[in-house]
Amino acid sequence: MPRQLERSSIHDETCPRFQEALETVGRRWTGSILMAATQGARRFGEYRAVIDGISDRLLSQRLKELEREGLIARTVVPTTPVQITYSLSPEGEALLEALQPLVRWNTRRAVRNTRTLHDAGGARA
């Protein structure tokens, strides 16, 4: 039996929070930057080296956004020259942990879609 929608449900506080979360993780390059951080990228050049196709300007912009949102921690090391490092904040780690069920879902979905395409192709032959 289909679930019945409540008329006021779209306006409660969970809907904007849900939308905000999707927009945060759905921005172009955000996922790549967070994954690069989990794989050990610390300096700007390391992020740039492992994220194919991102411009310096966009990488800088995304790192600033992720820092402002508390997902990336920026550390200034007072050396000569000054070094700036980036790492996942505890909030960023929590986000990636929260996304793991979505990653598993998408993996299962991709496998199912591949099988469906394979089966459909085999049926036509």
PDB file of N, CA and C in Angstrom:
ATOM      1  N   MET A   1       0.855  -1.182   0.000  1.00  0.00           N
ATOM      2  CA  MET A   1       0.000   0.000   0.000  1.00  0.00           C
ATOM      3  C   MET A   1       0.897   1.240   0.000  1.00  0.00           C
ATOM      4  N   PRO A   2       0.664   2.181  -0.918  1.00  0.00           N
ATOM      5  CA  PRO A   2       1.495   3.387  -0.967  1.00  0.00           C
ATOM      6  C   PRO A   2       1.362   4.203   0.308  1.00  0.00           C
ATOM      7  N   ARG A   3       2.469   4.794   0.669  1.00  0.00           N
ATOM      8  CA  ARG A   3       2.487   5.662   1.843  1.00  0.00           C
ATOM      9  C   ARG A   3       1.767   6.964   1.512  1.00  0.00           C
ATOM     10  N   GLN A   4       0.891   7.391   2.403  1.00  0.00           N
ATOM     11  CA  GLN A   4       0.133   8.616   2.164  1.00  0.00           C
ATOM     12  C   GLN A   4       0.946   9.820   2.635  1.00  0.00           C
ATOM     13  N   LEU A   5       1.012  10.836   1.804  1.00  0.00           N
ATOM     14  CA  LEU A   5       1.748  12.045   2.139  1.00  0.00           C
ATOM     15  C   LEU A   5       0.922  12.944   3.041  1.00  0.00           C
ATOM     16  N   GLU A   6       1.603  13.525   4.007  1.00  0.00           N
ATOM     17  CA  GLU A   6       0.942  14.517   4.848  1.00  0.00           C
ATOM     18  C   GLU A   6       1.078  15.864   4.152  1.00  0.00           C
ATOM     19  N   ARG A   7       0.013  16.618   4.132  1.00  0.00           N
ATOM     20  CA  ARG A   7       0.035  17.899   3.438  1.00  0.00           C
ATOM     21  C   ARG A   7       1.089  18.854   3.998  1.00  0.00           C
ATOM     22  N   SER A   8       1.322  18.859   5.275  1.00  0.00           N
ATOM     23  CA  SER A   8       2.260  19.810   5.862  1.00  0.00           C
ATOM     24  C   SER A   8       3.684  19.253   5.972  1.00  0.00           C
ATOM     25  N   SER A   9       3.907  18.001   5.585  1.00  0.00           N
ATOM     26  CA  SER A   9       5.206  17.371   5.817  1.00  0.00           C
ATOM     27  C   SER A   9       6.351  18.051   5.073  1.00  0.00           C
ATOM     28  N   ILE A  10       6.070  18.602   3.910  1.00  0.00           N
ATOM     29  CA  ILE A  10       7.152  19.205   3.137  1.00  0.00           C
ATOM     30  C   ILE A  10       7.645  20.504   3.771  1.00  0.00           C
ATOM     31  N   HIS A  11       6.878  21.050   4.669  1.00  0.00           N
ATOM     32  CA  HIS A  11       7.248  22.308   5.286  1.00  0.00           C
ATOM     33  C   HIS A  11       7.791  22.155   6.696  1.00  0.00           C
ATOM     34  N   ASP A  12       7.863  20.929   7.204  1.00  0.00           N
ATOM     35  CA  ASP A  12       8.435  20.797   8.542  1.00  0.00           C
ATOM     36  C   ASP A  12       9.945  20.979   8.457  1.00  0.00           C
ATOM     37  N   GLU A  13      10.625  21.001   9.574  1.00  0.00           N
ATOM     38  CA  GLU A  13      12.053  21.342   9.561  1.00  0.00           C
ATOM     39  C   GLU A  13      12.936  20.275   8.937  1.00  0.00           C
ATOM     40  N   THR A  14      12.448  19.036   8.777  1.00  0.00           N
ATOM     41  CA  THR A  14      13.299  17.999   8.199  1.00  0.00           C
ATOM     42  C   THR A  14      13.504  18.182   6.703  1.00  0.00           C
ATOM     43  N   CYS A  15      12.536  18.703   5.994  1.00  0.00           N
ATOM     44  CA  CYS A  15      12.676  18.851   4.547  1.00  0.00           C
ATOM     45  C   CYS A  15      13.805  19.814   4.171  1.00  0.00           C
ATOM     46  N   PRO A  16      13.845  21.021   4.732  1.00  0.00           N
ATOM     47  CA  PRO A  16      14.972  21.901   4.393  1.00  0.00           C
ATOM     48  C   PRO A  16      16.317  21.319   4.824  1.00  0.00           C
ATOM     49  N   ARG A  17      16.369  20.595   5.935  1.00  0.00           N
ATOM     50  CA  ARG A  17      17.624  19.978   6.389  1.00  0.00           C
ATOM     51  C   ARG A  17      18.072  18.902   5.395  1.00  0.00           C
ATOM     52  N   PHE A  18      17.099  18.113   4.933  1.00  0.00           N
ATOM     53  CA  PHE A  18      17.383  17.076   3.944  1.00  0.00           C
ATOM     54  C   PHE A  18      17.925  17.715   2.671  1.00  0.00           C
ATOM     55  N   GLN A  19      17.247  18.751   2.191  1.00  0.00           N
ATOM     56  CA  GLN A  19      17.666  19.439   0.971  1.00  0.00           C
ATOM     57  C   GLN A  19      19.051  20.057   1.138  1.00  0.00           C
ATOM     58  N   GLU A  20      19.303  20.663   2.285  1.00  0.00           N
ATOM     59  CA  GLU A  20      20.602  21.275   2.555  1.00  0.00           C
ATOM     60  C   GLU A  20      21.721  20.237   2.526  1.00  0.00           C
ATOM     61  N   ALA A  21      21.462  19.075   3.122  1.00  0.00           N
ATOM     62  CA  ALA A  21      22.467  18.002   3.124  1.00  0.00           C
ATOM     63  C   ALA A  21      22.759  17.534   1.705  1.00  0.00           C
ATOM     64  N   LEU A  22      21.711  17.355   0.904  1.00  0.00           N
ATOM     65  CA  LEU A  22      21.906  16.916  -0.477  1.00  0.00           C
ATOM     66  C   LEU A  22      22.676  17.952  -1.289  1.00  0.00           C
ATOM     67  N   GLU A  23      22.384  19.219  -1.075  1.00  0.00           N
ATOM     68  CA  GLU A  23      23.091  20.265  -1.806  1.00  0.00           C
ATOM     69  C   GLU A  23      24.557  20.341  -1.387  1.00  0.00           C
ATOM     70  N   THR A  24      24.837  20.109  -0.110  1.00  0.00           N
ATOM     71  CA  THR A  24      26.217  20.136   0.369  1.00  0.00           C
ATOM     72  C   THR A  24      27.034  19.040  -0.297  1.00  0.00           C
ATOM     73  N   VAL A  25      26.547  17.815  -0.269  1.00  0.00           N
ATOM     74  CA  VAL A  25      27.328  16.714  -0.833  1.00  0.00           C
ATOM     75  C   VAL A  25      27.235  16.651  -2.349  1.00  0.00           C
ATOM     76  N   GLY A  26      26.225  17.310  -2.932  1.00  0.00           N
ATOM     77  CA  GLY A  26      26.033  17.234  -4.365  1.00  0.00           C
ATOM     78  C   GLY A  26      26.768  18.279  -5.180  1.00  0.00           C
ATOM     79  N   ARG A  27      27.408  19.240  -4.516  1.00  0.00           N
ATOM     80  CA  ARG A  27      28.155  20.250  -5.278  1.00  0.00           C
ATOM     81  C   ARG A  27      29.315  19.593  -6.019  1.00  0.00           C
ATOM     82  N   ARG A  28      29.529  20.059  -7.211  1.00  0.00           N
ATOM     83  CA  ARG A  28      30.609  19.497  -8.032  1.00  0.00           C
ATOM     84  C   ARG A  28      31.943  19.572  -7.295  1.00  0.00           C
ATOM     85  N   TRP A  29      32.680  18.487  -7.300  1.00  0.00           N
ATOM     86  CA  TRP A  29      34.012  18.310  -6.738  1.00  0.00           C
ATOM     87  C   TRP A  29      34.027  18.075  -5.227  1.00  0.00           C
ATOM     88  N   THR A  30      32.937  18.303  -4.531  1.00  0.00           N
ATOM     89  CA  THR A  30      32.941  18.125  -3.081  1.00  0.00           C
ATOM     90  C   THR A  30      33.288  16.693  -2.699  1.00  0.00           C
ATOM     91  N   GLY A  31      32.653  15.736  -3.341  1.00  0.00           N
ATOM     92  CA  GLY A  31      32.938  14.332  -3.044  1.00  0.00           C
ATOM     93  C   GLY A  31      34.392  13.978  -3.301  1.00  0.00           C
ATOM     94  N   SER A  32      34.933  14.477  -4.401  1.00  0.00           N
ATOM     95  CA  SER A  32      36.333  14.193  -4.737  1.00  0.00           C
ATOM     96  C   SER A  32      37.279  14.791  -3.702  1.00  0.00           C
ATOM     97  N   ILE A  33      36.976  15.989  -3.238  1.00  0.00           N
ATOM     98  CA  ILE A  33      37.832  16.633  -2.239  1.00  0.00           C
ATOM     99  C   ILE A  33      37.775  15.874  -0.919  1.00  0.00           C
ATOM    100  N   LEU A  34      36.581  15.490  -0.502  1.00  0.00           N
ATOM    101  CA  LEU A  34      36.463  14.733   0.747  1.00  0.00           C
ATOM    102  C   LEU A  34      37.168  13.384   0.646  1.00  0.00           C
ATOM    103  N   MET A  35      37.036  12.723  -0.501  1.00  0.00           N
ATOM    104  CA  MET A  35      37.712  11.433  -0.678  1.00  0.00           C
ATOM    105  C   MET A  35      39.231  11.607  -0.716  1.00  0.00           C
ATOM    106  N   ALA A  36      39.704  12.672  -1.347  1.00  0.00           N
ATOM    107  CA  ALA A  36      41.148  12.933  -1.372  1.00  0.00           C
ATOM    108  C   ALA A  36      41.669  13.116   0.047  1.00  0.00           C
ATOM    109  N   ALA A  37      40.889  13.779   0.885  1.00  0.00           N
ATOM    110  CA  ALA A  37      41.298  13.969   2.281  1.00  0.00           C
ATOM    111  C   ALA A  37      41.392  12.633   3.002  1.00  0.00           C
ATOM    112  N   THR A  38      40.465  11.727   2.734  1.00  0.00           N
ATOM    113  CA  THR A  38      40.522  10.410   3.397  1.00  0.00           C
ATOM    114  C   THR A  38      41.711   9.602   2.914  1.00  0.00           C
ATOM    115  N   GLN A  39      42.177   9.891   1.714  1.00  0.00           N
ATOM    116  CA  GLN A  39      43.304   9.154   1.150  1.00  0.00           C
ATOM    117  C   GLN A  39      44.647   9.805   1.450  1.00  0.00           C
ATOM    118  N   GLY A  40      44.632  10.843   2.294  1.00  0.00           N
ATOM    119  CA  GLY A  40      45.885  11.409   2.765  1.00  0.00           C
ATOM    120  C   GLY A  40      46.308  12.737   2.186  1.00  0.00           C
ATOM    121  N   ALA A  41      45.525  13.327   1.296  1.00  0.00           N
ATOM    122  CA  ALA A  41      45.901  14.642   0.759  1.00  0.00           C
ATOM    123  C   ALA A  41      45.886  15.655   1.894  1.00  0.00           C
ATOM    124  N   ARG A  42      46.909  16.472   1.973  1.00  0.00           N
ATOM    125  CA  ARG A  42      46.998  17.489   3.026  1.00  0.00           C
ATOM    126  C   ARG A  42      47.236  18.882   2.455  1.00  0.00           C
ATOM    127  N   ARG A  43      48.122  18.982   1.493  1.00  0.00           N
ATOM    128  CA  ARG A  43      48.472  20.287   0.927  1.00  0.00           C
ATOM    129  C   ARG A  43      47.674  20.511  -0.361  1.00  0.00           C
ATOM    130  N   PHE A  44      47.526  21.777  -0.719  1.00  0.00           N
ATOM    131  CA  PHE A  44      46.748  22.169  -1.895  1.00  0.00           C
ATOM    132  C   PHE A  44      47.200  21.387  -3.137  1.00  0.00           C
ATOM    133  N   GLY A  45      48.497  21.320  -3.346  1.00  0.00           N
ATOM    134  CA  GLY A  45      49.038  20.623  -4.509  1.00  0.00           C
ATOM    135  C   GLY A  45      48.718  19.140  -4.519  1.00  0.00           C
ATOM    136  N   GLU A  46      48.621  18.538  -3.344  1.00  0.00           N
ATOM    137  CA  GLU A  46      48.257  17.116  -3.268  1.00  0.00           C
ATOM    138  C   GLU A  46      46.806  16.905  -3.688  1.00  0.00           C
ATOM    139  N   TYR A  47      45.937  17.802  -3.252  1.00  0.00           N
ATOM    140  CA  TYR A  47      44.536  17.712  -3.687  1.00  0.00           C
ATOM    141  C   TYR A  47      44.450  17.867  -5.198  1.00  0.00           C
ATOM    142  N   ARG A  48      45.134  18.863  -5.710  1.00  0.00           N
ATOM    143  CA  ARG A  48      45.105  19.126  -7.151  1.00  0.00           C
ATOM    144  C   ARG A  48      45.641  17.929  -7.933  1.00  0.00           C
ATOM    145  N   ALA A  49      46.674  17.294  -7.413  1.00  0.00           N
ATOM    146  CA  ALA A  49      47.291  16.164  -8.121  1.00  0.00           C
ATOM    147  C   ALA A  49      46.382  14.935  -8.196  1.00  0.00           C
ATOM    148  N   VAL A  50      45.554  14.722  -7.186  1.00  0.00           N
ATOM    149  CA  VAL A  50      44.722  13.513  -7.182  1.00  0.00           C
ATOM    150  C   VAL A  50      43.305  13.749  -7.716  1.00  0.00           C
ATOM    151  N   ILE A  51      42.933  14.998  -7.939  1.00  0.00           N
ATOM    152  CA  ILE A  51      41.593  15.300  -8.460  1.00  0.00           C
ATOM    153  C   ILE A  51      41.747  15.792  -9.892  1.00  0.00           C
ATOM    154  N   ASP A  52      41.610  14.882 -10.822  1.00  0.00           N
ATOM    155  CA  ASP A  52      41.762  15.221 -12.239  1.00  0.00           C
ATOM    156  C   ASP A  52      40.683  16.185 -12.693  1.00  0.00           C
ATOM    157  N   GLY A  53      41.103  17.261 -13.356  1.00  0.00           N
ATOM    158  CA  GLY A  53      40.170  18.160 -13.993  1.00  0.00           C
ATOM    159  C   GLY A  53      39.724  19.358 -13.177  1.00  0.00           C
ATOM    160  N   ILE A  54      40.077  19.434 -11.911  1.00  0.00           N
ATOM    161  CA  ILE A  54      39.641  20.578 -11.102  1.00  0.00           C
ATOM    162  C   ILE A  54      40.627  21.729 -11.293  1.00  0.00           C
ATOM    163  N   SER A  55      40.110  22.934 -11.415  1.00  0.00           N
ATOM    164  CA  SER A  55      40.978  24.102 -11.565  1.00  0.00           C
ATOM    165  C   SER A  55      41.444  24.568 -10.187  1.00  0.00           C
ATOM    166  N   ASP A  56      42.537  25.290 -10.157  1.00  0.00           N
ATOM    167  CA  ASP A  56      43.039  25.845  -8.894  1.00  0.00           C
ATOM    168  C   ASP A  56      41.990  26.731  -8.233  1.00  0.00           C
ATOM    169  N   ARG A  57      41.334  27.562  -9.060  1.00  0.00           N
ATOM    170  CA  ARG A  57      40.335  28.485  -8.528  1.00  0.00           C
ATOM    171  C   ARG A  57      39.174  27.740  -7.874  1.00  0.00           C
ATOM    172  N   LEU A  58      38.689  26.691  -8.548  1.00  0.00           N
ATOM    173  CA  LEU A  58      37.555  25.947  -8.007  1.00  0.00           C
ATOM    174  C   LEU A  58      37.958  25.121  -6.790  1.00  0.00           C
ATOM    175  N   LEU A  59      39.159  24.550  -6.802  1.00  0.00           N
ATOM    176  CA  LEU A  59      39.639  23.812  -5.631  1.00  0.00           C
ATOM    177  C   LEU A  59      39.745  24.740  -4.430  1.00  0.00           C
ATOM    178  N   SER A  60      40.302  25.911  -4.636  1.00  0.00           N
ATOM    179  CA  SER A  60      40.419  26.888  -3.561  1.00  0.00           C
ATOM    180  C   SER A  60      39.041  27.277  -3.024  1.00  0.00           C
ATOM    181  N   GLN A  61      38.119  27.531  -3.921  1.00  0.00           N
ATOM    182  CA  GLN A  61      36.752  27.907  -3.533  1.00  0.00           C
ATOM    183  C   GLN A  61      36.080  26.789  -2.733  1.00  0.00           C
ATOM    184  N   ARG A  62      36.189  25.546  -3.216  1.00  0.00           N
ATOM    185  CA  ARG A  62      35.543  24.421  -2.515  1.00  0.00           C
ATOM    186  C   ARG A  62      36.178  24.179  -1.147  1.00  0.00           C
ATOM    187  N   LEU A  63      37.501  24.281  -1.061  1.00  0.00           N
ATOM    188  CA  LEU A  63      38.155  24.090   0.240  1.00  0.00           C
ATOM    189  C   LEU A  63      37.670  25.145   1.236  1.00  0.00           C
ATOM    190  N   LYS A  64      37.533  26.385   0.782  1.00  0.00           N
ATOM    191  CA  LYS A  64      37.027  27.453   1.659  1.00  0.00           C
ATOM    192  C   LYS A  64      35.593  27.164   2.099  1.00  0.00           C
ATOM    193  N   GLU A  65      34.752  26.714   1.166  1.00  0.00           N
ATOM    194  CA  GLU A  65      33.367  26.387   1.500  1.00  0.00           C
ATOM    195  C   GLU A  65      33.302  25.248   2.511  1.00  0.00           C
ATOM    196  N   LEU A  66      34.087  24.208   2.263  1.00  0.00           N
ATOM    197  CA  LEU A  66      34.077  23.051   3.163  1.00  0.00           C
ATOM    198  C   LEU A  66      34.630  23.411   4.536  1.00  0.00           C
ATOM    199  N   GLU A  67      35.597  24.318   4.567  1.00  0.00           N
ATOM    200  CA  GLU A  67      36.110  24.810   5.854  1.00  0.00           C
ATOM    201  C   GLU A  67      35.024  25.609   6.578  1.00  0.00           C
ATOM    202  N   ARG A  68      34.351  26.481   5.855  1.00  0.00           N
ATOM    203  CA  ARG A  68      33.287  27.303   6.441  1.00  0.00           C
ATOM    204  C   ARG A  68      32.154  26.426   6.995  1.00  0.00           C
ATOM    205  N   GLU A  69      31.885  25.317   6.321  1.00  0.00           N
ATOM    206  CA  GLU A  69      30.834  24.400   6.756  1.00  0.00           C
ATOM    207  C   GLU A  69      31.306  23.437   7.844  1.00  0.00           C
ATOM    208  N   GLY A  70      32.588  23.529   8.198  1.00  0.00           N
ATOM    209  CA  GLY A  70      33.112  22.693   9.270  1.00  0.00           C
ATOM    210  C   GLY A  70      33.434  21.268   8.869  1.00  0.00           C
ATOM    211  N   LEU A  71      33.563  21.016   7.567  1.00  0.00           N
ATOM    212  CA  LEU A  71      33.855  19.665   7.093  1.00  0.00           C
ATOM    213  C   LEU A  71      35.341  19.435   6.853  1.00  0.00           C
ATOM    214  N   ILE A  72      36.059  20.506   6.590  1.00  0.00           N
ATOM    215  CA  ILE A  72      37.513  20.468   6.380  1.00  0.00           C
ATOM    216  C   ILE A  72      38.149  21.415   7.396  1.00  0.00           C
ATOM    217  N   ALA A  73      39.234  20.957   7.997  1.00  0.00           N
ATOM    218  CA  ALA A  73      39.991  21.809   8.927  1.00  0.00           C
ATOM    219  C   ALA A  73      41.208  22.358   8.190  1.00  0.00           C
ATOM    220  N   ARG A  74      41.418  23.650   8.301  1.00  0.00           N
ATOM    221  CA  ARG A  74      42.566  24.319   7.667  1.00  0.00           C
ATOM    222  C   ARG A  74      43.537  24.687   8.777  1.00  0.00           C
ATOM    223  N   THR A  75      44.802  24.297   8.579  1.00  0.00           N
ATOM    224  CA  THR A  75      45.831  24.581   9.574  1.00  0.00           C
ATOM    225  C   THR A  75      46.958  25.366   8.916  1.00  0.00           C
ATOM    226  N   VAL A  76      47.350  26.458   9.547  1.00  0.00           N
ATOM    227  CA  VAL A  76      48.470  27.263   9.055  1.00  0.00           C
ATOM    228  C   VAL A  76      49.684  26.895   9.911  1.00  0.00           C
ATOM    229  N   VAL A  77      50.718  26.402   9.241  1.00  0.00           N
ATOM    230  CA  VAL A  77      51.959  26.029   9.918  1.00  0.00           C
ATOM    231  C   VAL A  77      52.934  27.191   9.743  1.00  0.00           C
ATOM    232  N   PRO A  78      53.308  27.849  10.861  1.00  0.00           N
ATOM    233  CA  PRO A  78      54.154  29.050  10.765  1.00  0.00           C
ATOM    234  C   PRO A  78      55.622  28.713  10.476  1.00  0.00           C
ATOM    235  N   THR A  79      55.880  28.340   9.235  1.00  0.00           N
ATOM    236  CA  THR A  79      57.245  28.065   8.793  1.00  0.00           C
ATOM    237  C   THR A  79      57.592  29.069   7.705  1.00  0.00           C
ATOM    238  N   THR A  80      58.794  28.993   7.194  1.00  0.00           N
ATOM    239  CA  THR A  80      59.171  29.842   6.076  1.00  0.00           C
ATOM    240  C   THR A  80      59.469  28.941   4.893  1.00  0.00           C
ATOM    241  N   PRO A  81      58.687  28.973   3.853  1.00  0.00           N
ATOM    242  CA  PRO A  81      57.438  29.715   3.711  1.00  0.00           C
ATOM    243  C   PRO A  81      56.315  29.080   4.547  1.00  0.00           C
ATOM    244  N   VAL A  82      55.268  29.840   4.765  1.00  0.00           N
ATOM    245  CA  VAL A  82      54.121  29.355   5.526  1.00  0.00           C
ATOM    246  C   VAL A  82      53.507  28.164   4.799  1.00  0.00           C
ATOM    247  N   GLN A  83      53.145  27.146   5.558  1.00  0.00           N
ATOM    248  CA  GLN A  83      52.487  25.974   4.980  1.00  0.00           C
ATOM    249  C   GLN A  83      51.043  25.941   5.444  1.00  0.00           C
ATOM    250  N   ILE A  84      50.172  25.602   4.537  1.00  0.00           N
ATOM    251  CA  ILE A  84      48.758  25.452   4.871  1.00  0.00           C
ATOM    252  C   ILE A  84      48.381  24.012   4.567  1.00  0.00           C
ATOM    253  N   THR A  85      47.774  23.357   5.546  1.00  0.00           N
ATOM    254  CA  THR A  85      47.326  21.986   5.347  1.00  0.00           C
ATOM    255  C   THR A  85      45.821  21.902   5.574  1.00  0.00           C
ATOM    256  N   TYR A  86      45.215  20.917   4.951  1.00  0.00           N
ATOM    257  CA  TYR A  86      43.783  20.673   5.053  1.00  0.00           C
ATOM    258  C   TYR A  86      43.581  19.221   5.460  1.00  0.00           C
ATOM    259  N   SER A  87      42.591  18.990   6.291  1.00  0.00           N
ATOM    260  CA  SER A  87      42.258  17.623   6.677  1.00  0.00           C
ATOM    261  C   SER A  87      40.776  17.554   7.003  1.00  0.00           C
ATOM    262  N   LEU A  88      40.265  16.345   7.029  1.00  0.00           N
ATOM    263  CA  LEU A  88      38.865  16.176   7.413  1.00  0.00           C
ATOM    264  C   LEU A  88      38.693  16.569   8.868  1.00  0.00           C
ATOM    265  N   SER A  89      37.664  17.304   9.152  1.00  0.00           N
ATOM    266  CA  SER A  89      37.313  17.620  10.534  1.00  0.00           C
ATOM    267  C   SER A  89      36.503  16.438  11.077  1.00  0.00           C
ATOM    268  N   PRO A  90      36.283  16.374  12.371  1.00  0.00           N
ATOM    269  CA  PRO A  90      35.407  15.325  12.903  1.00  0.00           C
ATOM    270  C   PRO A  90      34.028  15.344  12.231  1.00  0.00           C
ATOM    271  N   GLU A  91      33.526  16.536  11.908  1.00  0.00           N
ATOM    272  CA  GLU A  91      32.228  16.648  11.222  1.00  0.00           C
ATOM    273  C   GLU A  91      32.317  16.083   9.801  1.00  0.00           C
ATOM    274  N   GLY A  92      33.436  16.304   9.123  1.00  0.00           N
ATOM    275  CA  GLY A  92      33.642  15.735   7.795  1.00  0.00           C
ATOM    276  C   GLY A  92      33.721  14.225   7.844  1.00  0.00           C
ATOM    277  N   GLU A  93      34.398  13.703   8.857  1.00  0.00           N
ATOM    278  CA  GLU A  93      34.465  12.246   9.027  1.00  0.00           C
ATOM    279  C   GLU A  93      33.077  11.678   9.290  1.00  0.00           C
ATOM    280  N   ALA A  94      32.289  12.375  10.098  1.00  0.00           N
ATOM    281  CA  ALA A  94      30.924  11.925  10.388  1.00  0.00           C
ATOM    282  C   ALA A  94      30.069  11.932   9.114  1.00  0.00           C
ATOM    283  N   LEU A  95      30.265  12.952   8.279  1.00  0.00           N
ATOM    284  CA  LEU A  95      29.523  13.010   7.016  1.00  0.00           C
ATOM    285  C   LEU A  95      29.863  11.812   6.142  1.00  0.00           C
ATOM    286  N   LEU A  96      31.144  11.517   6.000  1.00  0.00           N
ATOM    287  CA  LEU A  96      31.539  10.384   5.158  1.00  0.00           C
ATOM    288  C   LEU A  96      31.014   9.069   5.717  1.00  0.00           C
ATOM    289  N   GLU A  97      31.000   8.941   7.014  1.00  0.00           N
ATOM    290  CA  GLU A  97      30.427   7.737   7.633  1.00  0.00           C
ATOM    291  C   GLU A  97      28.931   7.653   7.336  1.00  0.00           C
ATOM    292  N   ALA A  98      28.249   8.790   7.418  1.00  0.00           N
ATOM    293  CA  ALA A  98      26.808   8.820   7.140  1.00  0.00           C
ATOM    294  C   ALA A  98      26.514   8.489   5.677  1.00  0.00           C
ATOM    295  N   LEU A  99      27.440   8.800   4.784  1.00  0.00           N
ATOM    296  CA  LEU A  99      27.233   8.547   3.360  1.00  0.00           C
ATOM    297  C   LEU A  99      27.491   7.097   2.956  1.00  0.00           C
ATOM    298  N   GLN A 100      28.122   6.315   3.811  1.00  0.00           N
ATOM    299  CA  GLN A 100      28.453   4.936   3.449  1.00  0.00           C
ATOM    300  C   GLN A 100      27.236   4.103   3.042  1.00  0.00           C
ATOM    301  N   PRO A 101      26.098   4.193   3.730  1.00  0.00           N
ATOM    302  CA  PRO A 101      24.933   3.436   3.240  1.00  0.00           C
ATOM    303  C   PRO A 101      24.503   3.862   1.839  1.00  0.00           C
ATOM    304  N   LEU A 102      24.635   5.132   1.520  1.00  0.00           N
ATOM    305  CA  LEU A 102      24.300   5.609   0.181  1.00  0.00           C
ATOM    306  C   LEU A 102      25.266   5.025  -0.850  1.00  0.00           C
ATOM    307  N   VAL A 103      26.546   4.948  -0.506  1.00  0.00           N
ATOM    308  CA  VAL A 103      27.544   4.365  -1.407  1.00  0.00           C
ATOM    309  C   VAL A 103      27.225   2.884  -1.644  1.00  0.00           C
ATOM    310  N   ARG A 104      26.895   2.161  -0.564  1.00  0.00           N
ATOM    311  CA  ARG A 104      26.544   0.738  -0.711  1.00  0.00           C
ATOM    312  C   ARG A 104      25.298   0.574  -1.580  1.00  0.00           C
ATOM    313  N   TRP A 105      24.301   1.438  -1.367  1.00  0.00           N
ATOM    314  CA  TRP A 105      23.082   1.388  -2.170  1.00  0.00           C
ATOM    315  C   TRP A 105      23.417   1.592  -3.641  1.00  0.00           C
ATOM    316  N   ASN A 106      24.248   2.581  -3.931  1.00  0.00           N
ATOM    317  CA  ASN A 106      24.588   2.884  -5.322  1.00  0.00           C
ATOM    318  C   ASN A 106      25.401   1.751  -5.949  1.00  0.00           C
ATOM    319  N   THR A 107      26.247   1.108  -5.168  1.00  0.00           N
ATOM    320  CA  THR A 107      27.023  -0.025  -5.680  1.00  0.00           C
ATOM    321  C   THR A 107      26.089  -1.165  -6.066  1.00  0.00           C
ATOM    322  N   ARG A 108      25.135  -1.485  -5.173  1.00  0.00           N
ATOM    323  CA  ARG A 108      24.165  -2.548  -5.483  1.00  0.00           C
ATOM    324  C   ARG A 108      23.344  -2.172  -6.719  1.00  0.00           C
ATOM    325  N   ARG A 109      22.950  -0.931  -6.805  1.00  0.00           N
ATOM    326  CA  ARG A 109      22.153  -0.449  -7.928  1.00  0.00           C
ATOM    327  C   ARG A 109      22.931  -0.565  -9.238  1.00  0.00           C
ATOM    328  N   ALA A 110      24.199  -0.185  -9.204  1.00  0.00           N
ATOM    329  CA  ALA A 110      25.032  -0.271 -10.404  1.00  0.00           C
ATOM    330  C   ALA A 110      25.181  -1.723 -10.858  1.00  0.00           C
ATOM    331  N   VAL A 111      25.368  -2.630  -9.908  1.00  0.00           N
ATOM    332  CA  VAL A 111      25.489  -4.054 -10.249  1.00  0.00           C
ATOM    333  C   VAL A 111      24.189  -4.544 -10.879  1.00  0.00           C
ATOM    334  N   ARG A 112      23.055  -4.175 -10.269  1.00  0.00           N
ATOM    335  CA  ARG A 112      21.745  -4.576 -10.811  1.00  0.00           C
ATOM    336  C   ARG A 112      21.545  -4.019 -12.218  1.00  0.00           C
ATOM    337  N   ASN A 113      21.887  -2.759 -12.416  1.00  0.00           N
ATOM    338  CA  ASN A 113      21.715  -2.142 -13.734  1.00  0.00           C
ATOM    339  C   ASN A 113      22.621  -2.793 -14.772  1.00  0.00           C
ATOM    340  N   THR A 114      23.828  -3.153 -14.376  1.00  0.00           N
ATOM    341  CA  THR A 114      24.743  -3.826 -15.290  1.00  0.00           C
ATOM    342  C   THR A 114      24.189  -5.191 -15.685  1.00  0.00           C
ATOM    343  N   ARG A 115      23.673  -5.908 -14.695  1.00  0.00           N
ATOM    344  CA  ARG A 115      23.063  -7.222 -14.993  1.00  0.00           C
ATOM    345  C   ARG A 115      21.864  -7.059 -15.917  1.00  0.00           C
ATOM    346  N   THR A 116      21.028  -6.061 -15.638  1.00  0.00           N
ATOM    347  CA  THR A 116      19.842  -5.833 -16.459  1.00  0.00           C
ATOM    348  C   THR A 116      20.236  -5.520 -17.889  1.00  0.00           C
ATOM    349  N   LEU A 117      21.233  -4.651 -18.071  1.00  0.00           N
ATOM    350  CA  LEU A 117      21.695  -4.327 -19.413  1.00  0.00           C
ATOM    351  C   LEU A 117      22.298  -5.545 -20.096  1.00  0.00           C
ATOM    352  N   HIS A 118      23.049  -6.324 -19.352  1.00  0.00           N
ATOM    353  CA  HIS A 118      23.670  -7.522 -19.890  1.00  0.00           C
ATOM    354  C   HIS A 118      22.597  -8.529 -20.310  1.00  0.00           C
ATOM    355  N   ASP A 119      21.612  -8.750 -19.428  1.00  0.00           N
ATOM    356  CA  ASP A 119      20.540  -9.699 -19.718  1.00  0.00           C
ATOM    357  C   ASP A 119      19.719  -9.229 -20.917  1.00  0.00           C
ATOM    358  N   ALA A 120      19.428  -7.950 -20.980  1.00  0.00           N
ATOM    359  CA  ALA A 120      18.645  -7.415 -22.105  1.00  0.00           C
ATOM    360  C   ALA A 120      19.426  -7.556 -23.412  1.00  0.00           C
ATOM    361  N   GLY A 121      20.716  -7.315 -23.355  1.00  0.00           N
ATOM    362  CA  GLY A 121      21.553  -7.451 -24.552  1.00  0.00           C
ATOM    363  C   GLY A 121      21.633  -8.891 -25.005  1.00  0.00           C
ATOM    364  N   GLY A 122      21.717  -9.814 -24.031  1.00  0.00           N
ATOM    365  CA  GLY A 122      21.783 -11.239 -24.352  1.00  0.00           C
ATOM    366  C   GLY A 122      20.477 -11.747 -24.902  1.00  0.00           C
ATOM    367  N   ALA A 123      19.347 -11.180 -24.456  1.00  0.00           N
ATOM    368  CA  ALA A 123      18.039 -11.630 -24.930  1.00  0.00           C
ATOM    369  C   ALA A 123      17.812 -11.212 -26.379  1.00  0.00           C
ATOM    370  N   ARG A 124      18.388 -10.077 -26.769  1.00  0.00           N
ATOM    371  CA  ARG A 124      18.202  -9.586 -28.140  1.00  0.00           C
ATOM    372  C   ARG A 124      19.073 -10.356 -29.132  1.00  0.00           C
ATOM    373  N   ALA A 125      20.157 -10.905 -28.681  1.00  0.00           N
ATOM    374  CA  ALA A 125      21.104 -11.571 -29.595  1.00  0.00           C
ATOM    375  C   ALA A 125      20.565 -12.850 -30.151  1.00  0.00           C
TER     376      ALA A 125
END
